[in-house]
Amino acid sequence: MPTTPNGTVWTKRTATIDGVGETTFSCPDAKLSDPATPAVLFFHGAGGTSDQMVALPAFNGMRDMLLDEGLAIIEGDPLPIPFFGTGELRPGQQWCNAQSRAAYPAFHQYWAARHSAANEVRFLFGRSMGGLLALYLAAKHPSYADAAVISNSGVSTWRVGNNTPPVGSVPPVAERSTSRHFTKEVLFGAWGVSDFASLDAALADADVLPELWPEGVFAGREVAFQYGTADTTAPWFPRGGEAVLERWSSSLGALSRVDRLEGGMHGGSPSSYQQVPEVRAFVREVLGEAPIPPAPTVYHRVIAHATAIGGKLHRLT
């Protein structure tokens, strides 16, 4: 039975839902039957798996913290997409398409029907690509109208800049670092289109462009962003939260926050995977719990100076 370093015993459960995808539910054993257990619905990054939060070593600290705080974790991976041009099926690359927008609520409902701890999703946690889906469900799905959002190096806009074409439709340059996941083969496959004009129209029709949502879309809601200043995959601007935060900041809830990690990268070390204390503080504030007190300061008073000679202490004067 897995146990966190702080002694929380937990169990990982997996399932395959026909026509939907694979899903994982991880919960402290002591909380499994408690309907008051707050749950996290986690959305993995590009190329991620149905158990990224609990299985990816880089996320071990985050996983253990959430479980120690008494939260249940729901995650999954919708059905793979056909890679544009070859038809090869690619898991973990859904990019907020219709399939993924339906799959994650289905994952939630699947586990809620079986375990009381999965009933109430209090946090939508998006990592990288998953940031788009976390924002979408928070804004558009009635089941998550009160959920707080955690965007961990999350992609928050499809654009390479305000009001410019979708990412992938322009050549990658230093200011617009385009990762391998922002390619037409992936995006066209995820959205079932064959050119960028069609992709642009599909994104607009599906209303999945956070940068175009009303300024008050998250009025009174709690949203936390974590990002690294050296992240070139989902940089704070233009792909991270800066562009959308400019529109929303005046109406967000009082607990909303932006935590910046100097020198933090998208992966590796240091990175936003490791911004565990910041996420813990946000979770505790949203749940109305007392913050973790700082470590006590220990003072040592020097009462004498001595040296050891021949196994004996001799006082120095």
Protein backbone atom coordinates (compact mmCIF):
# COMPACT_ATOMS: atom_id res chain seq x y z
CA MET A 1 0.00 0.00 0.00
CA PRO A 2 1.63 3.31 -1.04
CA THR A 3 2.29 5.81 1.75
CA THR A 4 3.48 9.40 1.55
CA PRO A 5 6.61 10.44 3.46
CA ASN A 6 4.29 12.01 6.04
CA GLY A 7 2.47 8.72 6.59
CA THR A 8 -0.71 9.12 4.52
CA VAL A 9 -1.79 5.71 3.26
CA TRP A 10 -3.47 5.93 -0.14
CA THR A 11 -4.69 3.74 -2.97
CA LYS A 12 -4.59 4.25 -6.72
CA ARG A 13 -7.54 2.91 -8.73
CA THR A 14 -7.76 2.76 -12.51
CA ALA A 15 -10.51 2.16 -15.04
CA THR A 16 -11.18 2.22 -18.77
CA ILE A 17 -14.45 3.80 -19.85
CA ASP A 18 -15.58 2.63 -23.27
CA GLY A 19 -15.68 5.46 -25.76
CA VAL A 20 -14.22 7.92 -23.26
CA GLY A 21 -10.72 6.94 -22.17
CA GLU A 22 -8.61 5.76 -19.25
CA THR A 23 -8.95 7.29 -15.81
CA THR A 24 -7.24 7.12 -12.41
CA PHE A 25 -8.54 7.89 -8.94
CA SER A 26 -6.13 8.25 -6.02
CA CYS A 27 -7.35 8.92 -2.51
CA PRO A 28 -6.20 8.70 1.11
CA ASP A 29 -7.71 5.48 2.43
CA ALA A 30 -9.12 7.27 5.45
CA LYS A 31 -11.06 9.66 3.19
CA LEU A 32 -12.50 7.25 0.64
CA SER A 33 -16.02 7.12 2.11
CA ASP A 34 -16.16 10.73 3.30
CA PRO A 35 -18.41 12.88 1.07
CA ALA A 36 -16.80 16.01 2.51
CA THR A 37 -13.46 15.10 0.94
CA PRO A 38 -12.37 17.83 -1.49
CA ALA A 39 -11.35 16.43 -4.87
CA VAL A 40 -8.92 17.69 -7.49
CA LEU A 41 -9.72 17.13 -11.16
CA PHE A 42 -6.31 17.08 -12.85
CA PHE A 43 -5.64 17.72 -16.55
CA HIS A 44 -2.29 16.45 -17.80
CA GLY A 45 0.11 18.17 -20.16
CA ALA A 46 0.78 17.33 -23.80
CA GLY A 47 1.93 13.75 -24.14
CA GLY A 48 0.80 13.00 -20.60
CA THR A 49 -0.85 9.88 -19.29
CA SER A 50 -3.98 8.94 -17.40
CA ASP A 51 -2.01 8.86 -14.14
CA GLN A 52 0.47 11.69 -14.67
CA MET A 53 -0.11 13.36 -11.31
CA VAL A 54 0.43 10.23 -9.24
CA ALA A 55 2.96 8.40 -11.43
CA LEU A 56 5.27 11.04 -12.90
CA PRO A 57 8.31 11.35 -10.60
CA ALA A 58 8.49 15.11 -11.14
CA PHE A 59 5.04 15.39 -9.55
CA ASN A 60 5.75 13.21 -6.50
CA GLY A 61 6.04 16.17 -4.16
CA MET A 62 2.81 17.73 -5.44
CA ARG A 63 0.98 14.40 -5.26
CA ASP A 64 2.12 13.70 -1.72
CA MET A 65 1.17 17.19 -0.59
CA LEU A 66 -2.36 16.92 -1.99
CA LEU A 67 -2.89 13.52 -0.40
CA ASP A 68 -1.46 14.70 2.92
CA GLU A 69 -3.89 17.61 2.80
CA GLY A 70 -6.73 15.09 2.54
CA LEU A 71 -7.62 15.62 -1.12
CA ALA A 72 -8.66 12.98 -3.64
CA ILE A 73 -7.17 13.15 -7.14
CA ILE A 74 -9.16 12.38 -10.30
CA GLU A 75 -7.31 12.30 -13.61
CA GLY A 76 -7.37 10.56 -16.95
CA ASP A 77 -6.52 10.54 -20.62
CA PRO A 78 -9.27 10.74 -23.25
CA LEU A 79 -9.11 8.61 -26.39
CA PRO A 80 -6.03 9.21 -28.58
CA ILE A 81 -6.15 11.51 -31.58
CA PRO A 82 -5.29 10.54 -35.19
CA PHE A 83 -2.02 12.24 -36.08
CA PHE A 84 -2.67 14.56 -39.04
CA GLY A 85 -1.13 13.27 -42.25
CA THR A 86 -0.50 9.70 -41.09
CA GLY A 87 -3.53 8.70 -39.05
CA GLU A 88 -1.26 7.27 -36.34
CA LEU A 89 -3.04 7.37 -33.00
CA ARG A 90 -1.40 9.64 -30.44
CA PRO A 91 -2.44 9.58 -26.77
CA GLY A 92 -2.23 12.61 -24.52
CA GLN A 93 -2.62 15.26 -27.24
CA GLN A 94 -6.28 16.29 -27.12
CA TRP A 95 -5.78 20.06 -26.88
CA CYS A 96 -9.17 20.93 -25.41
CA ASN A 97 -11.08 19.29 -28.25
CA ALA A 98 -14.70 18.19 -27.91
CA GLN A 99 -13.69 14.72 -26.87
CA SER A 100 -11.60 15.95 -23.94
CA ARG A 101 -14.17 18.54 -22.87
CA ALA A 102 -16.67 15.70 -22.45
CA ALA A 103 -14.25 13.11 -21.10
CA TYR A 104 -13.09 14.78 -17.90
CA PRO A 105 -16.57 15.38 -16.47
CA ALA A 106 -17.25 11.74 -17.37
CA PHE A 107 -14.15 10.66 -15.43
CA HIS A 108 -15.41 12.66 -12.46
CA GLN A 109 -18.88 11.15 -12.60
CA TYR A 110 -17.51 7.63 -12.99
CA TRP A 111 -15.59 7.83 -9.72
CA ALA A 112 -18.28 9.83 -7.89
CA ALA A 113 -20.72 6.98 -8.58
CA ARG A 114 -18.36 4.60 -6.80
CA HIS A 115 -16.65 6.55 -4.03
CA SER A 116 -18.03 9.38 -1.88
CA ALA A 117 -14.64 11.08 -1.82
CA ALA A 118 -14.99 11.88 -5.52
CA ASN A 119 -18.29 13.72 -5.19
CA GLU A 120 -17.14 17.31 -4.89
CA VAL A 121 -14.46 18.72 -7.17
CA ARG A 122 -13.09 21.78 -5.40
CA PHE A 123 -10.05 22.32 -7.65
CA LEU A 124 -9.42 22.13 -11.39
CA PHE A 125 -5.67 21.62 -11.77
CA GLY A 126 -4.23 22.12 -15.26
CA ARG A 127 -0.64 21.32 -16.15
CA SER A 128 0.72 22.86 -19.37
CA MET A 129 -1.74 21.87 -22.15
CA GLY A 130 -4.21 20.96 -19.40
CA GLY A 131 -4.40 24.60 -18.35
CA LEU A 132 -6.70 25.32 -21.29
CA LEU A 133 -9.15 22.63 -20.25
CA ALA A 134 -9.08 23.64 -16.59
CA LEU A 135 -10.00 27.19 -17.53
CA TYR A 136 -12.66 26.03 -19.99
CA LEU A 137 -14.50 23.75 -17.56
CA ALA A 138 -14.25 26.34 -14.80
CA ALA A 139 -15.85 28.94 -17.06
CA LYS A 140 -18.31 26.85 -19.04
CA HIS A 141 -19.36 23.72 -17.13
CA PRO A 142 -22.08 24.11 -14.46
CA SER A 143 -20.63 21.31 -12.32
CA TYR A 144 -17.50 23.38 -11.72
CA ALA A 145 -18.98 26.84 -11.29
CA ASP A 146 -17.53 27.10 -7.79
CA ALA A 147 -14.26 25.25 -8.30
CA ALA A 148 -10.95 27.05 -7.86
CA VAL A 149 -8.40 26.83 -10.67
CA ILE A 150 -4.71 25.90 -10.41
CA SER A 151 -2.71 26.60 -13.58
CA ASN A 152 0.71 24.98 -13.26
CA SER A 153 2.74 26.33 -16.19
CA GLY A 154 -0.64 26.16 -17.83
CA VAL A 155 -1.34 27.21 -21.40
CA SER A 156 -3.91 29.97 -21.07
CA THR A 157 -4.26 31.19 -24.64
CA TRP A 158 -4.11 29.69 -28.12
CA ARG A 159 -2.43 32.78 -29.48
CA VAL A 160 1.21 33.68 -29.89
CA GLY A 161 0.18 37.19 -28.84
CA ASN A 162 -2.98 39.18 -28.39
CA ASN A 163 -5.25 38.91 -31.45
CA THR A 164 -2.70 37.07 -33.59
CA PRO A 165 -3.05 33.69 -35.35
CA PRO A 166 -3.14 30.45 -33.40
CA VAL A 167 0.11 29.02 -32.12
CA GLY A 168 1.66 26.81 -34.80
CA SER A 169 0.56 28.94 -37.75
CA VAL A 170 3.63 31.18 -37.59
CA PRO A 171 7.32 30.24 -37.76
CA PRO A 172 8.89 29.64 -34.34
CA VAL A 173 11.11 32.52 -33.28
CA ALA A 174 12.72 33.33 -29.95
CA GLU A 175 9.73 35.31 -28.70
CA ARG A 176 7.29 32.65 -29.86
CA SER A 177 9.07 29.45 -28.93
CA THR A 178 6.93 26.73 -30.50
CA SER A 179 7.34 23.36 -28.81
CA ARG A 180 6.90 20.06 -30.61
CA HIS A 181 3.37 19.88 -29.22
CA PHE A 182 2.26 23.09 -30.96
CA THR A 183 2.45 21.61 -34.45
CA LYS A 184 -0.14 21.34 -37.16
CA GLU A 185 0.12 17.55 -37.13
CA VAL A 186 -1.04 17.50 -33.51
CA LEU A 187 -3.50 20.41 -33.58
CA PHE A 188 -5.16 19.45 -36.86
CA GLY A 189 -5.45 15.86 -35.68
CA ALA A 190 -6.97 16.87 -32.35
CA TRP A 191 -9.52 19.14 -33.97
CA GLY A 192 -10.22 17.23 -37.19
CA VAL A 193 -9.22 20.04 -39.54
CA SER A 194 -6.69 20.35 -42.36
CA ASP A 195 -5.61 24.00 -42.30
CA PHE A 196 -5.13 26.85 -39.86
CA ALA A 197 -8.12 28.84 -41.11
CA SER A 198 -10.37 25.90 -40.26
CA LEU A 199 -8.66 25.50 -36.89
CA ASP A 200 -9.19 29.17 -36.11
CA ALA A 201 -12.88 28.87 -36.96
CA ALA A 202 -13.26 25.67 -34.94
CA LEU A 203 -11.67 27.23 -31.86
CA ALA A 204 -13.96 30.24 -32.10
CA ASP A 205 -17.06 28.10 -32.64
CA ALA A 206 -16.22 25.96 -29.60
CA ASP A 207 -15.59 29.09 -27.50
CA VAL A 208 -12.30 27.73 -26.15
CA LEU A 209 -10.31 30.97 -26.52
CA PRO A 210 -9.87 32.32 -22.96
CA GLU A 211 -8.37 35.57 -24.24
CA LEU A 212 -11.74 36.38 -25.84
CA TRP A 213 -13.98 35.55 -22.89
CA PRO A 214 -15.73 38.39 -21.04
CA GLU A 215 -13.65 40.24 -18.48
CA GLY A 216 -15.90 39.09 -15.66
CA VAL A 217 -15.97 35.41 -16.62
CA PHE A 218 -14.25 34.48 -13.33
CA ALA A 219 -15.74 37.20 -11.15
CA GLY A 220 -15.19 36.28 -7.52
CA ARG A 221 -13.46 33.01 -8.47
CA GLU A 222 -10.12 31.90 -7.10
CA VAL A 223 -7.41 31.27 -9.70
CA ALA A 224 -3.76 30.49 -8.95
CA PHE A 225 -0.97 30.56 -11.54
CA GLN A 226 2.49 29.07 -11.07
CA TYR A 227 5.14 29.65 -13.69
CA GLY A 228 8.89 29.81 -14.18
CA THR A 229 10.73 32.78 -15.65
CA ALA A 230 12.86 30.47 -17.85
CA ASP A 231 9.90 28.52 -19.26
CA THR A 232 10.09 28.67 -23.06
CA THR A 233 7.41 26.03 -23.68
CA ALA A 234 4.53 27.82 -21.97
CA PRO A 235 6.07 31.21 -21.15
CA TRP A 236 4.08 33.57 -18.95
CA PHE A 237 3.65 35.72 -22.04
CA PRO A 238 2.32 35.02 -24.56
CA ARG A 239 1.06 31.49 -23.76
CA GLY A 240 0.81 31.59 -19.98
CA GLY A 241 -1.50 33.60 -17.80
CA GLU A 242 -0.35 37.16 -18.43
CA ALA A 243 -2.57 37.93 -21.40
CA VAL A 244 -5.74 36.62 -19.78
CA LEU A 245 -4.89 37.93 -16.33
CA GLU A 246 -4.84 41.45 -17.75
CA ARG A 247 -8.53 40.99 -18.59
CA TRP A 248 -9.61 39.19 -15.42
CA SER A 249 -7.51 40.57 -12.58
CA SER A 250 -9.92 43.25 -11.43
CA SER A 251 -12.72 40.75 -10.82
CA LEU A 252 -10.92 37.66 -9.50
CA GLY A 253 -11.43 36.43 -5.96
CA ALA A 254 -9.33 37.79 -3.13
CA LEU A 255 -7.32 34.57 -2.80
CA SER A 256 -6.18 34.52 -6.43
CA ARG A 257 -2.42 34.61 -6.81
CA VAL A 258 0.50 34.43 -9.21
CA ASP A 259 3.62 32.62 -7.99
CA ARG A 260 6.75 33.13 -10.04
CA LEU A 261 9.77 30.84 -9.84
CA GLU A 262 12.95 32.66 -10.82
CA GLY A 263 14.87 30.55 -13.32
CA GLY A 264 12.08 27.97 -13.36
CA MET A 265 11.74 25.91 -16.53
CA HIS A 266 8.82 24.00 -17.97
CA GLY A 267 10.38 20.69 -16.97
CA GLY A 268 13.54 19.63 -15.24
CA SER A 269 14.72 21.47 -12.17
CA PRO A 270 13.80 23.98 -11.04
CA SER A 271 10.32 23.99 -12.54
CA SER A 272 6.72 24.61 -11.60
CA TYR A 273 6.39 20.93 -10.71
CA GLN A 274 8.26 21.94 -7.56
CA GLN A 275 6.08 24.90 -6.56
CA VAL A 276 4.48 22.71 -3.93
CA PRO A 277 4.46 25.21 -1.03
CA GLU A 278 2.67 27.77 -3.18
CA VAL A 279 -0.02 25.31 -4.24
CA ARG A 280 -0.40 24.09 -0.66
CA ALA A 281 -0.90 27.65 0.57
CA PHE A 282 -3.57 28.27 -2.09
CA VAL A 283 -5.38 25.00 -1.34
CA ARG A 284 -5.45 25.74 2.37
CA GLU A 285 -6.72 29.28 1.83
CA VAL A 286 -9.52 28.13 -0.48
CA LEU A 287 -10.55 25.42 1.97
CA GLY A 288 -10.46 27.89 4.86
CA GLU A 289 -7.72 26.06 6.69
CA ALA A 290 -4.90 27.56 8.71
CA PRO A 291 -1.67 28.07 6.76
CA ILE A 292 1.33 25.93 7.53
CA PRO A 293 3.24 27.85 10.22
CA PRO A 294 6.80 28.82 9.35
CA ALA A 295 9.56 26.73 10.81
CA PRO A 296 10.53 28.05 14.26
CA THR A 297 13.64 30.13 14.48
CA VAL A 298 16.26 28.48 16.63
CA TYR A 299 18.78 30.64 18.47
CA HIS A 300 22.01 29.30 19.90
CA ARG A 301 23.79 31.16 22.68
CA VAL A 302 27.54 30.75 22.75
CA ILE A 303 28.62 30.15 26.34
CA ALA A 304 32.25 29.26 25.70
CA HIS A 305 34.80 28.59 23.01
CA ALA A 306 36.83 25.39 23.29
CA THR A 307 39.10 23.14 21.30
CA ALA A 308 39.79 19.42 21.59
CA ILE A 309 43.37 18.41 22.38
CA GLY A 310 44.19 14.81 23.15
CA GLY A 311 40.52 13.95 23.54
CA LYS A 312 39.94 16.68 26.12
CA LEU A 313 38.20 20.06 25.75
CA HIS A 314 40.32 23.09 26.57
CA ARG A 315 38.61 26.44 26.99
CA LEU A 316 39.83 29.25 24.76
CA THR A 317 40.28 32.67 26.27
